[in-house]
């Protein structure tokens, strides 16, 4: 079986930092552009002022392992992802790991208007914007406030309670987004989330009352 032995030179240098531990100096900064999806996550990494590395795709479990490792490879690690269905729980978890994580308003990430959009291009654009922002160009991106867990829960409950009150028929879209925003991707019977059944426990009582 053929294995992929290719590795970026920046990756090799960073790995050597923790192995020899003598004369090699840790890079000052690592910038990570993160494109989140339910099935996978794509990351583009920039080490200091080097060329952006090719985007890498991870499962959620491997994503956390990779992100934690970055904190051992540089003095400071920055990350950014777009606000959306996944909420802010990922940003809080990354912050707890020691990573300074920004969340930005979603936008069409095609600055050169090539009309080609992929996860790898999206993560690269995010990494580029993050690097410029950290280096002083505050117009490079617009970071949004990352609420506490309690604040986010209150927002979600209010938002989805209002949405459900306007619906005359069943729908699982709002429940699905609610789960994602809390970091829950558990499958449910028939592929559908039912009110008060497969949602996080904190939300179940509120859905039952609607």
C-alpha atoms as a PDB file:
ATOM      1  CA  UNK A   1       0.000   0.000   0.000  1.00  0.00           C
ATOM      2  CA  UNK A   2       1.313   3.405  -0.950  1.00  0.00           C
ATOM      3  CA  UNK A   3       1.601   5.871   1.901  1.00  0.00           C
ATOM      4  CA  UNK A   4       1.791   9.613   1.689  1.00  0.00           C
ATOM      5  CA  UNK A   5       5.210  10.631   2.980  1.00  0.00           C
ATOM      6  CA  UNK A   6       5.042  14.215   1.840  1.00  0.00           C
ATOM      7  CA  UNK A   7       5.385  16.826   4.543  1.00  0.00           C
ATOM      8  CA  UNK A   8       5.604  20.576   4.442  1.00  0.00           C
ATOM      9  CA  UNK A   9       9.038  21.939   5.415  1.00  0.00           C
ATOM     10  CA  UNK A  10       7.425  24.197   8.006  1.00  0.00           C
ATOM     11  CA  UNK A  11       5.793  21.127   9.550  1.00  0.00           C
ATOM     12  CA  UNK A  12       9.178  19.379   9.756  1.00  0.00           C
ATOM     13  CA  UNK A  13      10.846  22.370  11.372  1.00  0.00           C
ATOM     14  CA  UNK A  14       8.050  22.718  13.885  1.00  0.00           C
ATOM     15  CA  UNK A  15       8.223  19.031  14.794  1.00  0.00           C
ATOM     16  CA  UNK A  16      11.966  19.276  15.401  1.00  0.00           C
ATOM     17  CA  UNK A  17      11.380  21.929  18.031  1.00  0.00           C
ATOM     18  CA  UNK A  18       9.919  19.455  20.486  1.00  0.00           C
ATOM     19  CA  UNK A  19      12.327  16.610  19.638  1.00  0.00           C
ATOM     20  CA  UNK A  20      15.796  18.138  19.955  1.00  0.00           C
ATOM     21  CA  UNK A  21      14.866  20.816  22.536  1.00  0.00           C
ATOM     22  CA  UNK A  22      18.285  22.436  22.339  1.00  0.00           C
ATOM     23  CA  UNK A  23      19.073  25.209  19.851  1.00  0.00           C
ATOM     24  CA  UNK A  24      15.892  25.436  17.803  1.00  0.00           C
ATOM     25  CA  UNK A  25      13.639  28.322  18.804  1.00  0.00           C
ATOM     26  CA  UNK A  26       9.865  27.969  18.774  1.00  0.00           C
ATOM     27  CA  UNK A  27       8.077  30.002  16.097  1.00  0.00           C
ATOM     28  CA  UNK A  28       6.455  33.097  17.517  1.00  0.00           C
ATOM     29  CA  UNK A  29       3.037  32.535  15.959  1.00  0.00           C
ATOM     30  CA  UNK A  30       0.855  30.030  14.155  1.00  0.00           C
ATOM     31  CA  UNK A  31      -2.260  31.177  12.309  1.00  0.00           C
ATOM     32  CA  UNK A  32      -5.075  28.704  11.633  1.00  0.00           C
ATOM     33  CA  UNK A  33      -7.950  29.304   9.233  1.00  0.00           C
ATOM     34  CA  UNK A  34     -10.719  26.847  10.150  1.00  0.00           C
ATOM     35  CA  UNK A  35     -13.634  25.891   7.895  1.00  0.00           C
ATOM     36  CA  UNK A  36     -16.204  24.012   9.990  1.00  0.00           C
ATOM     37  CA  UNK A  37     -18.650  21.449   8.647  1.00  0.00           C
ATOM     38  CA  UNK A  38     -20.634  18.718  10.336  1.00  0.00           C
ATOM     39  CA  UNK A  39     -18.768  15.835   8.633  1.00  0.00           C
ATOM     40  CA  UNK A  40     -15.266  17.327   8.547  1.00  0.00           C
ATOM     41  CA  UNK A  41     -13.117  20.380   9.227  1.00  0.00           C
ATOM     42  CA  UNK A  42     -10.554  21.913   6.886  1.00  0.00           C
ATOM     43  CA  UNK A  43      -7.606  23.868   8.282  1.00  0.00           C
ATOM     44  CA  UNK A  44      -4.999  26.040   6.610  1.00  0.00           C
ATOM     45  CA  UNK A  45      -1.944  26.817   8.712  1.00  0.00           C
ATOM     46  CA  UNK A  46       0.520  29.686   8.418  1.00  0.00           C
ATOM     47  CA  UNK A  47       3.654  29.535  10.566  1.00  0.00           C
ATOM     48  CA  UNK A  48       4.924  33.061  11.220  1.00  0.00           C
ATOM     49  CA  UNK A  49       5.523  34.700   7.817  1.00  0.00           C
ATOM     50  CA  UNK A  50       5.836  31.530   5.765  1.00  0.00           C
ATOM     51  CA  UNK A  51       3.665  30.560   2.805  1.00  0.00           C
ATOM     52  CA  UNK A  52       0.277  29.104   3.795  1.00  0.00           C
ATOM     53  CA  UNK A  53       0.425  25.336   3.950  1.00  0.00           C
ATOM     54  CA  UNK A  54      -2.005  23.227   1.902  1.00  0.00           C
ATOM     55  CA  UNK A  55      -5.350  22.770   3.621  1.00  0.00           C
ATOM     56  CA  UNK A  56      -5.774  19.635   5.727  1.00  0.00           C
ATOM     57  CA  UNK A  57      -9.075  17.893   6.413  1.00  0.00           C
ATOM     58  CA  UNK A  58      -9.891  16.364   9.805  1.00  0.00           C
ATOM     59  CA  UNK A  59     -12.716  14.606  11.581  1.00  0.00           C
ATOM     60  CA  UNK A  60     -13.927  16.425  14.685  1.00  0.00           C
ATOM     61  CA  UNK A  61     -12.029  14.105  17.023  1.00  0.00           C
ATOM     62  CA  UNK A  62      -8.748  14.540  15.132  1.00  0.00           C
ATOM     63  CA  UNK A  63      -9.365  18.257  14.854  1.00  0.00           C
ATOM     64  CA  UNK A  64      -9.114  18.721  18.618  1.00  0.00           C
ATOM     65  CA  UNK A  65      -5.923  16.641  18.770  1.00  0.00           C
ATOM     66  CA  UNK A  66      -4.360  18.712  15.990  1.00  0.00           C
ATOM     67  CA  UNK A  67      -5.330  22.014  17.595  1.00  0.00           C
ATOM     68  CA  UNK A  68      -3.978  21.010  20.989  1.00  0.00           C
ATOM     69  CA  UNK A  69      -0.685  20.004  19.382  1.00  0.00           C
ATOM     70  CA  UNK A  70      -0.253  23.453  17.838  1.00  0.00           C
ATOM     71  CA  UNK A  71       0.095  24.964  21.305  1.00  0.00           C
ATOM     72  CA  UNK A  72       3.307  22.950  21.748  1.00  0.00           C
ATOM     73  CA  UNK A  73       4.738  24.083  18.396  1.00  0.00           C
ATOM     74  CA  UNK A  74       4.561  27.854  18.803  1.00  0.00           C
ATOM     75  CA  UNK A  75       4.632  30.536  21.451  1.00  0.00           C
ATOM     76  CA  UNK A  76       1.237  31.884  20.338  1.00  0.00           C
ATOM     77  CA  UNK A  77      -1.532  30.240  18.342  1.00  0.00           C
ATOM     78  CA  UNK A  78      -4.391  32.099  16.668  1.00  0.00           C
ATOM     79  CA  UNK A  79      -7.439  30.583  14.998  1.00  0.00           C
ATOM     80  CA  UNK A  80     -10.510  31.885  13.217  1.00  0.00           C
ATOM     81  CA  UNK A  81     -13.760  30.437  11.923  1.00  0.00           C
ATOM     82  CA  UNK A  82     -17.000  31.878  10.594  1.00  0.00           C
ATOM     83  CA  UNK A  83     -20.056  32.333  12.768  1.00  0.00           C
ATOM     84  CA  UNK A  84     -22.911  30.048  11.839  1.00  0.00           C
ATOM     85  CA  UNK A  85     -24.815  26.931  12.825  1.00  0.00           C
ATOM     86  CA  UNK A  86     -22.004  25.729  15.103  1.00  0.00           C
ATOM     87  CA  UNK A  87     -22.264  28.673  17.449  1.00  0.00           C
ATOM     88  CA  UNK A  88     -19.443  29.623  19.791  1.00  0.00           C
ATOM     89  CA  UNK A  89     -18.794  26.493  21.836  1.00  0.00           C
ATOM     90  CA  UNK A  90     -15.795  25.608  19.632  1.00  0.00           C
ATOM     91  CA  UNK A  91     -14.245  29.038  20.243  1.00  0.00           C
ATOM     92  CA  UNK A  92     -14.611  28.625  23.994  1.00  0.00           C
ATOM     93  CA  UNK A  93     -13.068  25.165  23.898  1.00  0.00           C
ATOM     94  CA  UNK A  94     -10.121  26.398  21.821  1.00  0.00           C
ATOM     95  CA  UNK A  95      -9.604  29.273  24.240  1.00  0.00           C
ATOM     96  CA  UNK A  96      -9.484  26.757  27.099  1.00  0.00           C
ATOM     97  CA  UNK A  97      -6.695  24.988  25.178  1.00  0.00           C
ATOM     98  CA  UNK A  98      -4.674  28.212  25.117  1.00  0.00           C
ATOM     99  CA  UNK A  99      -5.561  29.246  21.559  1.00  0.00           C
ATOM    100  CA  UNK A 100      -6.762  32.773  20.838  1.00  0.00           C
ATOM    101  CA  UNK A 101      -9.782  32.077  18.680  1.00  0.00           C
ATOM    102  CA  UNK A 102     -11.746  34.667  16.709  1.00  0.00           C
ATOM    103  CA  UNK A 103     -15.197  34.222  15.234  1.00  0.00           C
ATOM    104  CA  UNK A 104     -16.057  36.382  12.214  1.00  0.00           C
ATOM    105  CA  UNK A 105     -19.182  37.236  10.270  1.00  0.00           C
ATOM    106  CA  UNK A 106     -19.673  34.802   7.366  1.00  0.00           C
ATOM    107  CA  UNK A 107     -19.017  36.161   3.904  1.00  0.00           C
ATOM    108  CA  UNK A 108     -18.288  34.964   0.405  1.00  0.00           C
ATOM    109  CA  UNK A 109     -14.588  34.113   0.572  1.00  0.00           C
ATOM    110  CA  UNK A 110     -13.535  34.714  -3.031  1.00  0.00           C
ATOM    111  CA  UNK A 111     -11.463  37.919  -3.031  1.00  0.00           C
ATOM    112  CA  UNK A 112     -10.075  37.326  -6.545  1.00  0.00           C
ATOM    113  CA  UNK A 113     -13.544  36.578  -7.970  1.00  0.00           C
ATOM    114  CA  UNK A 114     -12.498  33.293  -9.529  1.00  0.00           C
ATOM    115  CA  UNK A 115     -15.943  31.810  -8.853  1.00  0.00           C
ATOM    116  CA  UNK A 116     -14.263  28.738  -7.425  1.00  0.00           C
ATOM    117  CA  UNK A 117     -15.075  27.960  -3.814  1.00  0.00           C
ATOM    118  CA  UNK A 118     -13.817  24.953  -1.886  1.00  0.00           C
ATOM    119  CA  UNK A 119     -13.216  24.198   1.780  1.00  0.00           C
ATOM    120  CA  UNK A 120      -9.458  24.485   1.270  1.00  0.00           C
ATOM    121  CA  UNK A 121      -9.759  27.879  -0.404  1.00  0.00           C
ATOM    122  CA  UNK A 122     -12.133  29.078   2.303  1.00  0.00           C
ATOM    123  CA  UNK A 123      -9.756  28.034   5.087  1.00  0.00           C
ATOM    124  CA  UNK A 124      -6.830  29.681   3.285  1.00  0.00           C
ATOM    125  CA  UNK A 125      -8.692  32.965   2.906  1.00  0.00           C
ATOM    126  CA  UNK A 126      -9.544  32.829   6.605  1.00  0.00           C
ATOM    127  CA  UNK A 127      -5.913  32.180   7.550  1.00  0.00           C
ATOM    128  CA  UNK A 128      -4.736  35.089   5.364  1.00  0.00           C
ATOM    129  CA  UNK A 129      -7.276  37.453   6.900  1.00  0.00           C
ATOM    130  CA  UNK A 130      -6.374  36.293  10.403  1.00  0.00           C
ATOM    131  CA  UNK A 131      -2.679  36.902   9.859  1.00  0.00           C
ATOM    132  CA  UNK A 132      -3.260  40.414   8.509  1.00  0.00           C
ATOM    133  CA  UNK A 133      -5.615  41.187  11.400  1.00  0.00           C
ATOM    134  CA  UNK A 134      -3.183  40.040  14.083  1.00  0.00           C
ATOM    135  CA  UNK A 135      -0.315  41.954  12.442  1.00  0.00           C
ATOM    136  CA  UNK A 136      -2.266  45.198  12.696  1.00  0.00           C
ATOM    137  CA  UNK A 137      -4.708  45.450   9.795  1.00  0.00           C
ATOM    138  CA  UNK A 138      -7.950  45.623  11.783  1.00  0.00           C
ATOM    139  CA  UNK A 139      -9.947  45.979   8.565  1.00  0.00           C
ATOM    140  CA  UNK A 140      -8.894  42.531   7.405  1.00  0.00           C
ATOM    141  CA  UNK A 141     -11.824  40.918   9.228  1.00  0.00           C
ATOM    142  CA  UNK A 142     -14.649  41.773  11.608  1.00  0.00           C
ATOM    143  CA  UNK A 143     -14.504  39.715  14.776  1.00  0.00           C
ATOM    144  CA  UNK A 144     -17.749  39.195  16.684  1.00  0.00           C
ATOM    145  CA  UNK A 145     -18.271  38.942  20.424  1.00  0.00           C
ATOM    146  CA  UNK A 146     -17.957  35.384  21.761  1.00  0.00           C
ATOM    147  CA  UNK A 147     -20.662  34.957  24.399  1.00  0.00           C
ATOM    148  CA  UNK A 148     -20.349  32.841  27.495  1.00  0.00           C
ATOM    149  CA  UNK A 149     -22.067  29.448  27.507  1.00  0.00           C
ATOM    150  CA  UNK A 150     -24.937  30.844  29.580  1.00  0.00           C
ATOM    151  CA  UNK A 151     -25.385  33.814  27.252  1.00  0.00           C
ATOM    152  CA  UNK A 152     -25.383  31.606  24.174  1.00  0.00           C
ATOM    153  CA  UNK A 153     -27.870  29.187  25.708  1.00  0.00           C
ATOM    154  CA  UNK A 154     -30.222  32.040  26.498  1.00  0.00           C
ATOM    155  CA  UNK A 155     -29.953  33.358  22.939  1.00  0.00           C
ATOM    156  CA  UNK A 156     -30.649  29.947  21.429  1.00  0.00           C
ATOM    157  CA  UNK A 157     -33.624  29.259  23.652  1.00  0.00           C
ATOM    158  CA  UNK A 158     -35.181  32.619  22.839  1.00  0.00           C
ATOM    159  CA  UNK A 159     -34.467  32.353  19.115  1.00  0.00           C
ATOM    160  CA  UNK A 160     -35.781  28.841  18.672  1.00  0.00           C
ATOM    161  CA  UNK A 161     -38.769  29.338  20.956  1.00  0.00           C
ATOM    162  CA  UNK A 162     -39.806  32.255  18.760  1.00  0.00           C
ATOM    163  CA  UNK A 163     -39.231  30.248  15.582  1.00  0.00           C
ATOM    164  CA  UNK A 164     -41.260  27.293  16.863  1.00  0.00           C
ATOM    165  CA  UNK A 165     -44.150  29.505  17.941  1.00  0.00           C
ATOM    166  CA  UNK A 166     -44.508  30.681  14.322  1.00  0.00           C
ATOM    167  CA  UNK A 167     -44.600  27.173  12.843  1.00  0.00           C
ATOM    168  CA  UNK A 168     -47.849  25.359  12.212  1.00  0.00           C
ATOM    169  CA  UNK A 169     -46.212  22.049  11.258  1.00  0.00           C
ATOM    170  CA  UNK A 170     -43.272  19.922  12.453  1.00  0.00           C
ATOM    171  CA  UNK A 171     -39.765  20.798  11.350  1.00  0.00           C
ATOM    172  CA  UNK A 172     -36.390  19.606  12.515  1.00  0.00           C
ATOM    173  CA  UNK A 173     -34.260  22.407  11.058  1.00  0.00           C
ATOM    174  CA  UNK A 174     -34.255  24.606  14.145  1.00  0.00           C
ATOM    175  CA  UNK A 175     -33.604  21.662  16.440  1.00  0.00           C
ATOM    176  CA  UNK A 176     -30.705  20.499  14.296  1.00  0.00           C
ATOM    177  CA  UNK A 177     -29.058  23.945  14.385  1.00  0.00           C
ATOM    178  CA  UNK A 178     -29.668  24.071  18.133  1.00  0.00           C
ATOM    179  CA  UNK A 179     -27.813  20.790  18.567  1.00  0.00           C
ATOM    180  CA  UNK A 180     -24.925  21.857  16.356  1.00  0.00           C
ATOM    181  CA  UNK A 181     -24.566  25.126  18.236  1.00  0.00           C
ATOM    182  CA  UNK A 182     -24.117  23.066  21.397  1.00  0.00           C
ATOM    183  CA  UNK A 183     -21.638  20.679  19.786  1.00  0.00           C
ATOM    184  CA  UNK A 184     -24.095  17.752  19.617  1.00  0.00           C
ATOM    185  CA  UNK A 185     -24.053  15.699  16.402  1.00  0.00           C
ATOM    186  CA  UNK A 186     -25.759  12.566  17.722  1.00  0.00           C
ATOM    187  CA  UNK A 187     -27.872  10.664  15.161  1.00  0.00           C
ATOM    188  CA  UNK A 188     -31.525  10.183  15.937  1.00  0.00           C
ATOM    189  CA  UNK A 189     -34.180   7.633  14.981  1.00  0.00           C
ATOM    190  CA  UNK A 190     -35.184   8.144  11.380  1.00  0.00           C
ATOM    191  CA  UNK A 191     -32.579  10.889  11.019  1.00  0.00           C
ATOM    192  CA  UNK A 192     -34.857  13.458  12.671  1.00  0.00           C
ATOM    193  CA  UNK A 193     -34.643  15.373  15.928  1.00  0.00           C
ATOM    194  CA  UNK A 194     -37.864  15.350  17.922  1.00  0.00           C
ATOM    195  CA  UNK A 195     -38.823  18.116  20.383  1.00  0.00           C
ATOM    196  CA  UNK A 196     -37.826  17.201  23.916  1.00  0.00           C
ATOM    197  CA  UNK A 197     -36.306  13.911  22.757  1.00  0.00           C
ATOM    198  CA  UNK A 198     -32.885  14.183  21.111  1.00  0.00           C
ATOM    199  CA  UNK A 199     -32.011  17.775  21.950  1.00  0.00           C
ATOM    200  CA  UNK A 200     -29.479  18.612  24.673  1.00  0.00           C
ATOM    201  CA  UNK A 201     -31.080  18.178  28.090  1.00  0.00           C
ATOM    202  CA  UNK A 202     -30.922  21.902  28.809  1.00  0.00           C
ATOM    203  CA  UNK A 203     -33.363  22.568  25.967  1.00  0.00           C
ATOM    204  CA  UNK A 204     -35.788  19.672  26.303  1.00  0.00           C
ATOM    205  CA  UNK A 205     -38.137  21.252  28.886  1.00  0.00           C
ATOM    206  CA  UNK A 206     -38.484  24.402  26.766  1.00  0.00           C
ATOM    207  CA  UNK A 207     -39.348  22.466  23.597  1.00  0.00           C
ATOM    208  CA  UNK A 208     -41.977  20.430  25.455  1.00  0.00           C
ATOM    209  CA  UNK A 209     -43.736  23.568  26.587  1.00  0.00           C
ATOM    210  CA  UNK A 210     -44.172  24.828  23.003  1.00  0.00           C
END
